[in-house]
Amino acid sequence: MVQGLIGKKIGMTQVFDQQGNAVPVTVIQVGPCVVVGKRWVNEQARLQLGFVDARRKAKVTKPLAGVFKRAGVPPASPLKEFDCEPDDADRLNLGDHLLVSDVFEVGQLVDVSGRTKGHGFQGVVKRHGFRGGRATHGSMFHRAPGSIGASADPSRVFKGTKMGGHMGAVQKTIQNLKIWQVRPERNLLLIKGSIPGCKNGYVVIRQARKKNA
């Protein structure tokens, strides 16, 4: 079947296992995802899926509008490509919808990718966890980075030196997260642990590539 789907992060909560222990989980609305396109790369089938959000009107460019028109489906956003078994790709037609229960099951390990929260420009204390200087009276060194390079030799700042800068808003993948619950009636997926991104942010859930126990 398809190796993954597109979802929207709803938030975090907790559920209880059979022993009564609280388990932190992230709630993701997975799909429905509509099949927008199909292609084959070296005998490997790939499906282009779009996330269907009834409460959000997708804004697309004219070239993308032509793609949706040829597929005979309304505009959907975002779009992602996923590997698929050739036999399954032949059975699926453009415009078919994929639900959470079609791909995922309880206990399965998945990799979740998303864009982390943006924090703007931050100093070295928050961005890299620097200790900073003493907060005593007379101190002139509090949250500064300190020396970043010698003046004589090598007389330059080495590439990769930890300094202040833009923090967050980068693509990040968390691997080997366990699916705790699947609620097909509402297309919800409860994944143990946290995932990158803010509430209502879009994420990509794929079958785990490194299936560690």
N, C-alpha and C. Protein backbone atom coordinates (compact mmCIF):
# COMPACT_ATOMS: atom_id res chain seq x y z
N MET A 1 0.84 -1.19 0.00
CA MET A 1 0.00 0.00 0.00
C MET A 1 0.88 1.24 0.00
N VAL A 2 0.28 2.40 0.12
CA VAL A 2 1.02 3.65 0.16
C VAL A 2 1.87 3.69 1.42
N GLN A 3 3.09 4.26 1.30
CA GLN A 3 4.04 4.26 2.42
C GLN A 3 3.78 5.38 3.42
N GLY A 4 2.81 6.26 3.18
CA GLY A 4 2.56 7.33 4.13
C GLY A 4 1.39 8.18 3.72
N LEU A 5 1.07 9.15 4.57
CA LEU A 5 -0.03 10.08 4.32
C LEU A 5 0.34 11.45 4.88
N ILE A 6 -0.47 12.45 4.52
CA ILE A 6 -0.31 13.80 5.04
C ILE A 6 -1.29 14.00 6.19
N GLY A 7 -0.86 14.69 7.22
CA GLY A 7 -1.72 14.93 8.38
C GLY A 7 -1.59 16.36 8.88
N LYS A 8 -2.48 16.70 9.81
CA LYS A 8 -2.46 18.01 10.46
C LYS A 8 -2.42 17.81 11.96
N LYS A 9 -1.44 18.46 12.60
CA LYS A 9 -1.26 18.32 14.04
C LYS A 9 -2.38 19.04 14.79
N ILE A 10 -3.10 18.29 15.63
CA ILE A 10 -4.19 18.86 16.41
C ILE A 10 -3.69 19.35 17.76
N GLY A 11 -2.80 18.61 18.39
CA GLY A 11 -2.26 18.98 19.69
C GLY A 11 -1.82 17.75 20.45
N MET A 12 -1.55 17.93 21.74
CA MET A 12 -1.10 16.82 22.58
C MET A 12 -2.10 16.59 23.72
N THR A 13 -2.16 15.33 24.14
CA THR A 13 -2.99 14.95 25.27
C THR A 13 -2.36 13.71 25.90
N GLN A 14 -3.10 13.04 26.76
CA GLN A 14 -2.59 11.81 27.36
C GLN A 14 -3.70 10.77 27.40
N VAL A 15 -3.30 9.54 27.24
CA VAL A 15 -4.20 8.39 27.37
C VAL A 15 -3.59 7.45 28.40
N PHE A 16 -4.35 6.44 28.78
CA PHE A 16 -3.89 5.51 29.81
C PHE A 16 -3.83 4.11 29.24
N ASP A 17 -2.74 3.40 29.60
CA ASP A 17 -2.60 2.02 29.15
C ASP A 17 -3.35 1.09 30.09
N GLN A 18 -3.20 -0.21 29.87
CA GLN A 18 -3.93 -1.20 30.66
C GLN A 18 -3.49 -1.22 32.12
N GLN A 19 -2.27 -0.76 32.39
CA GLN A 19 -1.78 -0.72 33.77
C GLN A 19 -2.13 0.60 34.47
N GLY A 20 -2.80 1.50 33.77
CA GLY A 20 -3.18 2.78 34.37
C GLY A 20 -2.12 3.85 34.27
N ASN A 21 -1.07 3.60 33.50
CA ASN A 21 -0.01 4.59 33.34
C ASN A 21 -0.40 5.62 32.27
N ALA A 22 -0.11 6.88 32.54
CA ALA A 22 -0.39 7.95 31.59
C ALA A 22 0.63 7.93 30.46
N VAL A 23 0.15 7.98 29.24
CA VAL A 23 1.01 7.96 28.06
C VAL A 23 0.80 9.25 27.29
N PRO A 24 1.84 10.09 27.12
CA PRO A 24 1.68 11.32 26.34
C PRO A 24 1.61 11.00 24.84
N VAL A 25 0.62 11.54 24.19
CA VAL A 25 0.43 11.26 22.77
C VAL A 25 0.16 12.57 22.02
N THR A 26 0.50 12.56 20.75
CA THR A 26 0.17 13.67 19.84
C THR A 26 -0.98 13.24 18.95
N VAL A 27 -2.00 14.09 18.84
CA VAL A 27 -3.18 13.79 18.03
C VAL A 27 -2.99 14.40 16.66
N ILE A 28 -3.11 13.59 15.62
CA ILE A 28 -2.93 14.04 14.24
C ILE A 28 -4.16 13.64 13.44
N GLN A 29 -4.70 14.61 12.71
CA GLN A 29 -5.77 14.31 11.76
C GLN A 29 -5.11 13.90 10.45
N VAL A 30 -5.23 12.64 10.11
CA VAL A 30 -4.55 12.08 8.94
C VAL A 30 -5.56 11.94 7.81
N GLY A 31 -5.44 12.82 6.83
CA GLY A 31 -6.33 12.76 5.69
C GLY A 31 -7.72 13.30 5.99
N PRO A 32 -8.66 13.05 5.11
CA PRO A 32 -8.50 12.23 3.90
C PRO A 32 -7.55 12.87 2.89
N CYS A 33 -6.79 11.99 2.23
CA CYS A 33 -5.86 12.42 1.20
C CYS A 33 -6.36 11.94 -0.16
N VAL A 34 -6.37 12.84 -1.12
CA VAL A 34 -6.88 12.52 -2.45
C VAL A 34 -5.71 12.25 -3.39
N VAL A 35 -5.88 11.26 -4.27
CA VAL A 35 -4.86 10.92 -5.25
C VAL A 35 -4.92 11.94 -6.39
N VAL A 36 -3.83 12.71 -6.53
CA VAL A 36 -3.77 13.76 -7.55
C VAL A 36 -3.00 13.30 -8.78
N GLY A 37 -1.99 12.44 -8.59
CA GLY A 37 -1.20 11.99 -9.72
C GLY A 37 -0.50 10.69 -9.42
N LYS A 38 -0.06 10.02 -10.49
CA LYS A 38 0.69 8.77 -10.39
C LYS A 38 1.84 8.81 -11.39
N ARG A 39 2.98 8.26 -10.97
CA ARG A 39 4.10 8.12 -11.89
C ARG A 39 4.98 6.96 -11.44
N TRP A 40 5.83 6.52 -12.37
CA TRP A 40 6.72 5.40 -12.09
C TRP A 40 8.17 5.86 -12.26
N VAL A 41 9.00 5.53 -11.29
CA VAL A 41 10.43 5.85 -11.33
C VAL A 41 11.20 4.55 -11.13
N ASN A 42 11.85 4.09 -12.20
CA ASN A 42 12.61 2.83 -12.15
C ASN A 42 11.76 1.69 -11.61
N GLU A 43 10.58 1.52 -12.20
CA GLU A 43 9.63 0.47 -11.86
C GLU A 43 9.07 0.62 -10.44
N GLN A 44 9.32 1.75 -9.81
CA GLN A 44 8.76 2.03 -8.49
C GLN A 44 7.63 3.05 -8.65
N ALA A 45 6.45 2.68 -8.19
CA ALA A 45 5.30 3.57 -8.31
C ALA A 45 5.34 4.64 -7.23
N ARG A 46 4.94 5.84 -7.60
CA ARG A 46 4.86 6.96 -6.66
C ARG A 46 3.52 7.66 -6.85
N LEU A 47 2.86 7.93 -5.72
CA LEU A 47 1.57 8.60 -5.74
C LEU A 47 1.73 10.02 -5.23
N GLN A 48 1.10 10.95 -5.92
CA GLN A 48 1.04 12.33 -5.45
C GLN A 48 -0.29 12.53 -4.75
N LEU A 49 -0.22 12.85 -3.45
CA LEU A 49 -1.41 12.99 -2.63
C LEU A 49 -1.58 14.44 -2.18
N GLY A 50 -2.83 14.84 -2.02
CA GLY A 50 -3.15 16.15 -1.50
C GLY A 50 -4.03 16.04 -0.27
N PHE A 51 -3.79 16.91 0.70
CA PHE A 51 -4.55 16.88 1.95
C PHE A 51 -5.86 17.63 1.75
N VAL A 52 -6.98 16.99 2.05
CA VAL A 52 -8.30 17.59 1.89
C VAL A 52 -8.73 18.19 3.22
N ASP A 53 -8.84 19.51 3.25
CA ASP A 53 -9.26 20.23 4.45
C ASP A 53 -10.51 21.04 4.11
N ALA A 54 -11.65 20.58 4.62
CA ALA A 54 -12.91 21.23 4.27
C ALA A 54 -13.00 22.64 4.84
N ARG A 55 -12.26 22.93 5.91
CA ARG A 55 -12.34 24.24 6.56
C ARG A 55 -11.32 25.23 6.00
N ARG A 56 -10.54 24.81 5.03
CA ARG A 56 -9.51 25.69 4.46
C ARG A 56 -9.51 25.57 2.96
N LYS A 57 -9.66 26.71 2.28
CA LYS A 57 -9.66 26.73 0.83
C LYS A 57 -8.22 26.81 0.34
N ALA A 58 -7.83 25.83 -0.45
CA ALA A 58 -6.46 25.78 -0.93
C ALA A 58 -6.22 26.84 -1.98
N LYS A 59 -5.12 27.59 -1.83
CA LYS A 59 -4.71 28.58 -2.81
C LYS A 59 -3.60 27.98 -3.66
N VAL A 60 -3.87 27.86 -4.95
CA VAL A 60 -2.91 27.21 -5.85
C VAL A 60 -2.58 28.14 -7.01
N THR A 61 -1.42 27.91 -7.60
CA THR A 61 -1.00 28.65 -8.78
C THR A 61 -1.71 28.10 -10.03
N LYS A 62 -1.58 28.82 -11.13
CA LYS A 62 -2.22 28.37 -12.37
C LYS A 62 -1.68 27.02 -12.85
N PRO A 63 -0.35 26.78 -12.80
CA PRO A 63 0.12 25.44 -13.19
C PRO A 63 -0.47 24.33 -12.33
N LEU A 64 -0.54 24.57 -11.00
CA LEU A 64 -1.12 23.55 -10.13
C LEU A 64 -2.61 23.40 -10.38
N ALA A 65 -3.29 24.50 -10.70
CA ALA A 65 -4.71 24.41 -11.01
C ALA A 65 -4.95 23.50 -12.21
N GLY A 66 -4.03 23.53 -13.18
CA GLY A 66 -4.15 22.63 -14.31
C GLY A 66 -3.95 21.18 -13.92
N VAL A 67 -3.08 20.92 -12.95
CA VAL A 67 -2.87 19.55 -12.47
C VAL A 67 -4.16 19.01 -11.84
N PHE A 68 -4.79 19.82 -11.00
CA PHE A 68 -6.03 19.38 -10.37
C PHE A 68 -7.15 19.22 -11.40
N LYS A 69 -7.16 20.08 -12.40
CA LYS A 69 -8.21 19.98 -13.43
C LYS A 69 -8.08 18.70 -14.22
N ARG A 70 -6.83 18.32 -14.59
CA ARG A 70 -6.62 17.07 -15.32
C ARG A 70 -6.98 15.86 -14.47
N ALA A 71 -6.73 15.98 -13.16
CA ALA A 71 -7.06 14.86 -12.27
C ALA A 71 -8.54 14.81 -11.94
N GLY A 72 -9.26 15.90 -12.20
CA GLY A 72 -10.69 15.92 -11.92
C GLY A 72 -11.01 16.01 -10.44
N VAL A 73 -10.14 16.67 -9.67
CA VAL A 73 -10.34 16.80 -8.22
C VAL A 73 -10.24 18.28 -7.86
N PRO A 74 -10.91 18.70 -6.79
CA PRO A 74 -10.77 20.09 -6.33
C PRO A 74 -9.38 20.34 -5.78
N PRO A 75 -8.94 21.59 -5.74
CA PRO A 75 -7.60 21.90 -5.23
C PRO A 75 -7.41 21.43 -3.79
N ALA A 76 -6.26 20.85 -3.51
CA ALA A 76 -5.92 20.36 -2.17
C ALA A 76 -4.49 20.78 -1.87
N SER A 77 -4.24 21.08 -0.62
CA SER A 77 -2.91 21.53 -0.21
C SER A 77 -2.65 21.10 1.23
N PRO A 78 -1.40 20.66 1.54
CA PRO A 78 -0.23 20.56 0.66
C PRO A 78 -0.23 19.29 -0.18
N LEU A 79 0.74 19.19 -1.09
CA LEU A 79 0.93 18.03 -1.94
C LEU A 79 2.24 17.33 -1.57
N LYS A 80 2.20 16.00 -1.52
CA LYS A 80 3.40 15.22 -1.22
C LYS A 80 3.37 13.94 -2.06
N GLU A 81 4.57 13.42 -2.33
CA GLU A 81 4.68 12.16 -3.06
C GLU A 81 5.10 11.05 -2.10
N PHE A 82 4.53 9.86 -2.31
CA PHE A 82 4.83 8.70 -1.48
C PHE A 82 5.05 7.49 -2.37
N ASP A 83 5.97 6.61 -1.92
CA ASP A 83 6.17 5.34 -2.61
C ASP A 83 4.94 4.46 -2.42
N CYS A 84 4.71 3.62 -3.41
CA CYS A 84 3.54 2.74 -3.37
C CYS A 84 3.87 1.46 -4.12
N GLU A 85 3.26 0.37 -3.69
CA GLU A 85 3.41 -0.88 -4.41
C GLU A 85 2.76 -0.76 -5.80
N PRO A 86 3.41 -1.27 -6.85
CA PRO A 86 2.85 -1.13 -8.20
C PRO A 86 1.43 -1.66 -8.34
N ASP A 87 1.14 -2.81 -7.71
CA ASP A 87 -0.20 -3.38 -7.81
C ASP A 87 -1.24 -2.46 -7.17
N ASP A 88 -0.89 -1.88 -6.03
CA ASP A 88 -1.81 -0.96 -5.37
C ASP A 88 -1.99 0.31 -6.18
N ALA A 89 -0.92 0.79 -6.80
CA ALA A 89 -1.02 1.99 -7.62
C ALA A 89 -1.93 1.76 -8.82
N ASP A 90 -1.92 0.54 -9.38
CA ASP A 90 -2.80 0.24 -10.51
C ASP A 90 -4.26 0.23 -10.09
N ARG A 91 -4.52 -0.19 -8.86
CA ARG A 91 -5.91 -0.25 -8.38
C ARG A 91 -6.46 1.13 -8.02
N LEU A 92 -5.60 2.05 -7.67
CA LEU A 92 -6.05 3.38 -7.28
C LEU A 92 -6.20 4.27 -8.51
N ASN A 93 -7.26 5.05 -8.52
CA ASN A 93 -7.54 5.97 -9.61
C ASN A 93 -7.40 7.40 -9.11
N LEU A 94 -7.21 8.32 -10.05
CA LEU A 94 -7.16 9.73 -9.69
C LEU A 94 -8.49 10.15 -9.08
N GLY A 95 -8.43 10.82 -7.96
CA GLY A 95 -9.64 11.24 -7.26
C GLY A 95 -10.03 10.34 -6.12
N ASP A 96 -9.39 9.16 -5.99
CA ASP A 96 -9.68 8.27 -4.86
C ASP A 96 -9.15 8.88 -3.57
N HIS A 97 -9.85 8.59 -2.48
CA HIS A 97 -9.48 9.11 -1.17
C HIS A 97 -8.86 8.00 -0.33
N LEU A 98 -7.79 8.33 0.38
CA LEU A 98 -7.13 7.41 1.30
C LEU A 98 -7.34 7.91 2.71
N LEU A 99 -7.74 6.99 3.59
CA LEU A 99 -8.02 7.31 4.99
C LEU A 99 -6.94 6.73 5.89
N VAL A 100 -7.00 7.10 7.16
CA VAL A 100 -5.96 6.69 8.09
C VAL A 100 -5.94 5.18 8.27
N SER A 101 -7.11 4.54 8.26
CA SER A 101 -7.17 3.09 8.46
C SER A 101 -6.68 2.31 7.25
N ASP A 102 -6.52 2.98 6.10
CA ASP A 102 -6.03 2.29 4.90
C ASP A 102 -4.53 2.07 4.93
N VAL A 103 -3.81 2.81 5.77
CA VAL A 103 -2.36 2.77 5.74
C VAL A 103 -1.75 2.37 7.08
N PHE A 104 -2.33 2.87 8.19
CA PHE A 104 -1.69 2.70 9.50
C PHE A 104 -2.51 1.79 10.40
N GLU A 105 -1.81 1.20 11.39
CA GLU A 105 -2.45 0.33 12.37
C GLU A 105 -1.76 0.51 13.72
N VAL A 106 -2.43 0.07 14.77
CA VAL A 106 -1.91 0.23 16.13
C VAL A 106 -0.62 -0.57 16.30
N GLY A 107 0.37 0.04 16.96
CA GLY A 107 1.65 -0.62 17.20
C GLY A 107 2.67 -0.42 16.12
N GLN A 108 2.29 0.18 15.01
CA GLN A 108 3.21 0.40 13.90
C GLN A 108 4.18 1.54 14.24
N LEU A 109 5.41 1.43 13.73
CA LEU A 109 6.41 2.48 13.91
C LEU A 109 6.41 3.38 12.68
N VAL A 110 6.46 4.69 12.91
CA VAL A 110 6.39 5.65 11.82
C VAL A 110 7.45 6.74 12.02
N ASP A 111 7.77 7.42 10.92
CA ASP A 111 8.63 8.60 10.93
C ASP A 111 7.75 9.81 10.61
N VAL A 112 7.83 10.84 11.44
CA VAL A 112 7.00 12.03 11.27
C VAL A 112 7.89 13.22 10.96
N SER A 113 7.58 13.91 9.85
CA SER A 113 8.35 15.08 9.43
C SER A 113 7.47 16.32 9.46
N GLY A 114 8.05 17.42 9.92
CA GLY A 114 7.32 18.68 9.97
C GLY A 114 8.28 19.83 10.17
N ARG A 115 7.75 21.04 10.08
CA ARG A 115 8.56 22.25 10.28
C ARG A 115 8.42 22.69 11.72
N THR A 116 9.56 22.85 12.39
CA THR A 116 9.55 23.20 13.80
C THR A 116 9.05 24.62 14.00
N LYS A 117 8.71 24.93 15.25
CA LYS A 117 8.26 26.28 15.59
C LYS A 117 9.39 27.28 15.38
N GLY A 118 9.04 28.44 14.85
CA GLY A 118 10.02 29.50 14.65
C GLY A 118 10.13 30.38 15.89
N HIS A 119 11.37 30.72 16.27
CA HIS A 119 11.61 31.56 17.44
C HIS A 119 12.33 32.86 17.09
N GLY A 120 12.50 33.14 15.79
CA GLY A 120 13.15 34.36 15.39
C GLY A 120 14.63 34.37 15.74
N PHE A 121 15.21 35.58 15.87
CA PHE A 121 16.61 35.73 16.21
C PHE A 121 16.78 35.54 17.71
N GLN A 122 17.67 34.64 18.11
CA GLN A 122 17.92 34.37 19.52
C GLN A 122 19.42 34.37 19.79
N GLY A 123 19.77 34.69 21.03
CA GLY A 123 21.17 34.69 21.43
C GLY A 123 21.68 33.30 21.75
N VAL A 124 22.93 33.23 22.16
CA VAL A 124 23.57 31.93 22.38
C VAL A 124 23.03 31.23 23.62
N VAL A 125 22.50 31.97 24.59
CA VAL A 125 21.99 31.34 25.81
C VAL A 125 20.76 30.49 25.49
N LYS A 126 19.83 31.04 24.74
CA LYS A 126 18.63 30.29 24.41
C LYS A 126 18.86 29.34 23.24
N ARG A 127 19.64 29.79 22.25
CA ARG A 127 19.81 28.98 21.05
C ARG A 127 20.70 27.77 21.27
N HIS A 128 21.78 27.93 22.04
CA HIS A 128 22.75 26.85 22.21
C HIS A 128 22.92 26.42 23.65
N GLY A 129 22.23 27.07 24.59
CA GLY A 129 22.33 26.66 25.98
C GLY A 129 23.59 27.12 26.67
N PHE A 130 24.18 28.23 26.24
CA PHE A 130 25.36 28.77 26.92
C PHE A 130 24.99 29.16 28.36
N ARG A 131 25.97 29.05 29.22
CA ARG A 131 25.72 29.38 30.62
C ARG A 131 25.60 30.88 30.85
N GLY A 132 26.39 31.68 30.15
CA GLY A 132 26.40 33.11 30.38
C GLY A 132 27.28 33.49 31.56
N GLY A 133 27.34 34.77 31.82
CA GLY A 133 28.18 35.25 32.91
C GLY A 133 27.44 35.35 34.22
N ARG A 134 28.15 35.82 35.25
CA ARG A 134 27.56 35.96 36.57
C ARG A 134 26.60 37.15 36.62
N ALA A 135 25.57 37.03 37.44
CA ALA A 135 24.58 38.09 37.58
C ALA A 135 24.88 38.98 38.77
N THR A 136 26.14 39.05 39.19
CA THR A 136 26.51 39.83 40.37
C THR A 136 26.68 41.31 40.01
N HIS A 137 26.72 42.13 41.05
CA HIS A 137 26.87 43.57 40.86
C HIS A 137 28.24 43.89 40.27
N GLY A 138 28.23 44.71 39.25
CA GLY A 138 29.48 45.09 38.61
C GLY A 138 29.86 44.23 37.42
N SER A 139 29.19 43.11 37.24
CA SER A 139 29.52 42.25 36.12
C SER A 139 29.06 42.89 34.81
N MET A 140 29.90 42.84 33.81
CA MET A 140 29.57 43.36 32.48
C MET A 140 29.37 42.23 31.47
N PHE A 141 29.31 41.00 31.96
CA PHE A 141 29.20 39.84 31.07
C PHE A 141 28.05 38.98 31.55
N HIS A 142 26.91 39.01 30.83
CA HIS A 142 25.72 38.27 31.27
C HIS A 142 25.30 37.20 30.25
N ARG A 143 24.88 37.64 29.07
CA ARG A 143 24.39 36.69 28.07
C ARG A 143 25.18 36.77 26.77
N ALA A 144 26.39 37.26 26.83
CA ALA A 144 27.23 37.38 25.64
C ALA A 144 27.89 36.04 25.31
N PRO A 145 28.29 35.83 24.05
CA PRO A 145 28.91 34.55 23.69
C PRO A 145 30.34 34.42 24.16
N GLY A 146 31.02 35.49 24.47
CA GLY A 146 32.42 35.39 24.85
C GLY A 146 33.32 35.44 23.62
N SER A 147 34.55 34.98 23.77
CA SER A 147 35.50 35.03 22.67
C SER A 147 35.07 34.07 21.56
N ILE A 148 35.13 34.56 20.32
CA ILE A 148 34.75 33.71 19.17
C ILE A 148 35.96 33.42 18.28
N GLY A 149 37.13 33.96 18.61
CA GLY A 149 38.32 33.69 17.81
C GLY A 149 39.46 34.57 18.25
N ALA A 150 40.68 34.07 18.12
CA ALA A 150 41.86 34.84 18.50
C ALA A 150 42.11 35.97 17.50
N SER A 151 42.75 37.06 17.98
CA SER A 151 42.98 38.21 17.12
C SER A 151 44.21 38.04 16.24
N ALA A 152 45.22 37.31 16.71
CA ALA A 152 46.46 37.17 15.95
C ALA A 152 46.46 35.89 15.11
N ASP A 153 46.25 34.77 15.73
CA ASP A 153 46.30 33.50 15.02
C ASP A 153 45.14 32.63 15.51
N PRO A 154 44.22 32.17 14.68
CA PRO A 154 44.23 32.22 13.21
C PRO A 154 43.65 33.51 12.62
N SER A 155 43.26 34.46 13.46
CA SER A 155 42.79 35.76 13.00
C SER A 155 41.52 35.65 12.15
N ARG A 156 40.67 34.74 12.52
CA ARG A 156 39.38 34.61 11.84
C ARG A 156 38.45 33.79 12.72
N VAL A 157 37.17 33.80 12.39
CA VAL A 157 36.17 33.00 13.10
C VAL A 157 35.96 31.70 12.33
N PHE A 158 36.12 30.58 13.01
CA PHE A 158 35.96 29.29 12.36
C PHE A 158 34.51 29.07 11.92
N LYS A 159 34.35 28.43 10.80
CA LYS A 159 33.03 28.09 10.30
C LYS A 159 32.36 27.10 11.26
N GLY A 160 31.09 27.36 11.58
CA GLY A 160 30.35 26.50 12.48
C GLY A 160 30.40 26.92 13.93
N THR A 161 31.06 28.05 14.22
CA THR A 161 31.11 28.54 15.60
C THR A 161 29.70 28.87 16.10
N LYS A 162 29.38 28.43 17.29
CA LYS A 162 28.05 28.67 17.84
C LYS A 162 27.89 30.14 18.21
N MET A 163 26.92 30.76 17.54
CA MET A 163 26.66 32.17 17.77
C MET A 163 25.16 32.42 17.73
N GLY A 164 24.76 33.65 18.01
CA GLY A 164 23.36 33.99 17.92
C GLY A 164 22.89 33.96 16.47
N GLY A 165 21.60 33.74 16.27
CA GLY A 165 21.07 33.67 14.90
C GLY A 165 19.63 33.21 14.89
N HIS A 166 19.15 32.91 13.69
CA HIS A 166 17.77 32.48 13.54
C HIS A 166 17.58 31.09 14.16
N MET A 167 16.51 30.95 14.92
CA MET A 167 16.26 29.70 15.64
C MET A 167 14.91 29.12 15.23
N GLY A 168 14.90 27.84 14.93
CA GLY A 168 13.66 27.16 14.60
C GLY A 168 13.28 27.33 13.14
N ALA A 169 12.03 26.94 12.81
CA ALA A 169 11.48 27.02 11.45
C ALA A 169 12.32 26.23 10.47
N VAL A 170 12.73 25.01 10.87
CA VAL A 170 13.50 24.13 9.99
C VAL A 170 12.77 22.79 9.89
N GLN A 171 13.02 22.08 8.80
CA GLN A 171 12.41 20.78 8.60
C GLN A 171 13.09 19.75 9.51
N LYS A 172 12.28 18.97 10.22
CA LYS A 172 12.82 18.01 11.18
C LYS A 172 12.00 16.72 11.11
N THR A 173 12.68 15.59 11.27
CA THR A 173 12.03 14.28 11.25
C THR A 173 12.32 13.54 12.54
N ILE A 174 11.27 13.03 13.17
CA ILE A 174 11.41 12.20 14.36
C ILE A 174 11.13 10.75 13.93
N GLN A 175 12.08 9.87 14.22
CA GLN A 175 11.98 8.50 13.73
C GLN A 175 11.47 7.55 14.82
N ASN A 176 10.89 6.46 14.34
CA ASN A 176 10.49 5.33 15.18
C ASN A 176 9.53 5.74 16.30
N LEU A 177 8.50 6.49 15.93
CA LEU A 177 7.44 6.81 16.88
C LEU A 177 6.34 5.74 16.77
N LYS A 178 5.79 5.36 17.90
CA LYS A 178 4.83 4.25 17.94
C LYS A 178 3.40 4.78 17.87
N ILE A 179 2.62 4.17 17.00
CA ILE A 179 1.19 4.50 16.91
C ILE A 179 0.47 3.86 18.09
N TRP A 180 -0.14 4.71 18.93
CA TRP A 180 -0.79 4.20 20.14
C TRP A 180 -2.25 3.87 19.90
N GLN A 181 -2.94 4.71 19.12
CA GLN A 181 -4.34 4.46 18.81
C GLN A 181 -4.64 4.94 17.39
N VAL A 182 -5.61 4.28 16.76
CA VAL A 182 -6.15 4.70 15.47
C VAL A 182 -7.66 4.86 15.63
N ARG A 183 -8.17 6.04 15.33
CA ARG A 183 -9.60 6.31 15.44
C ARG A 183 -10.14 6.63 14.05
N PRO A 184 -10.55 5.60 13.30
CA PRO A 184 -10.95 5.80 11.90
C PRO A 184 -12.21 6.63 11.74
N GLU A 185 -13.08 6.66 12.75
CA GLU A 185 -14.33 7.41 12.59
C GLU A 185 -14.09 8.91 12.43
N ARG A 186 -12.94 9.39 12.93
CA ARG A 186 -12.60 10.81 12.81
C ARG A 186 -11.26 11.03 12.11
N ASN A 187 -10.71 9.95 11.52
CA ASN A 187 -9.41 10.02 10.84
C ASN A 187 -8.32 10.55 11.75
N LEU A 188 -8.30 10.07 12.99
CA LEU A 188 -7.31 10.53 13.96
C LEU A 188 -6.28 9.46 14.22
N LEU A 189 -5.06 9.92 14.43
CA LEU A 189 -3.94 9.05 14.76
C LEU A 189 -3.31 9.57 16.04
N LEU A 190 -3.18 8.70 17.05
CA LEU A 190 -2.56 9.06 18.31
C LEU A 190 -1.18 8.42 18.36
N ILE A 191 -0.14 9.26 18.32
CA ILE A 191 1.23 8.80 18.27
C ILE A 191 1.90 9.12 19.59
N LYS A 192 2.59 8.13 20.15
CA LYS A 192 3.27 8.33 21.43
C LYS A 192 4.44 9.29 21.27
N GLY A 193 4.47 10.30 22.15
CA GLY A 193 5.55 11.27 22.11
C GLY A 193 5.16 12.53 21.36
N SER A 194 6.13 13.41 21.22
CA SER A 194 5.91 14.70 20.55
C SER A 194 6.45 14.66 19.14
N ILE A 195 5.91 15.54 18.31
CA ILE A 195 6.34 15.65 16.92
C ILE A 195 6.63 17.13 16.64
N PRO A 196 7.42 17.43 15.61
CA PRO A 196 7.73 18.83 15.33
C PRO A 196 6.53 19.58 14.77
N GLY A 197 6.52 20.90 15.01
CA GLY A 197 5.49 21.74 14.45
C GLY A 197 4.54 22.30 15.49
N CYS A 198 3.79 23.31 15.08
CA CYS A 198 2.80 23.93 15.95
C CYS A 198 1.44 23.33 15.68
N LYS A 199 0.45 23.74 16.45
CA LYS A 199 -0.91 23.27 16.25
C LYS A 199 -1.41 23.72 14.87
N ASN A 200 -2.16 22.82 14.23
CA ASN A 200 -2.70 23.04 12.89
C ASN A 200 -1.61 23.09 11.81
N GLY A 201 -0.40 22.68 12.17
CA GLY A 201 0.67 22.58 11.18
C GLY A 201 0.60 21.24 10.47
N TYR A 202 1.01 21.23 9.22
CA TYR A 202 0.95 20.01 8.42
C TYR A 202 2.22 19.18 8.61
N VAL A 203 2.03 17.88 8.69
CA VAL A 203 3.13 16.94 8.88
C VAL A 203 2.98 15.80 7.88
N VAL A 204 4.07 15.07 7.69
CA VAL A 204 4.08 13.91 6.81
C VAL A 204 4.41 12.69 7.65
N ILE A 205 3.54 11.69 7.61
CA ILE A 205 3.74 10.45 8.37
C ILE A 205 4.07 9.34 7.39
N ARG A 206 5.24 8.75 7.56
CA ARG A 206 5.68 7.64 6.71
C ARG A 206 6.01 6.42 7.56
N GLN A 207 5.96 5.26 6.93
CA GLN A 207 6.37 4.04 7.62
C GLN A 207 7.85 4.14 7.97
N ALA A 208 8.19 3.68 9.17
CA ALA A 208 9.56 3.83 9.66
C ALA A 208 10.55 3.09 8.77
N ARG A 209 11.66 3.75 8.48
CA ARG A 209 12.71 3.12 7.69
C ARG A 209 13.69 2.34 8.54
N LYS A 210 13.88 2.80 9.79
CA LYS A 210 14.76 2.13 10.73
C LYS A 210 13.89 1.59 11.86
N LYS A 211 13.40 0.39 11.70
CA LYS A 211 12.43 -0.16 12.63
C LYS A 211 13.13 -0.76 13.83
N ASN A 212 13.52 0.11 14.76
CA ASN A 212 14.12 -0.35 16.01
C ASN A 212 13.04 -0.61 17.04
N ALA A 213 13.21 -1.64 17.84
CA ALA A 213 12.21 -1.97 18.85
C ALA A 213 12.29 -0.97 19.98
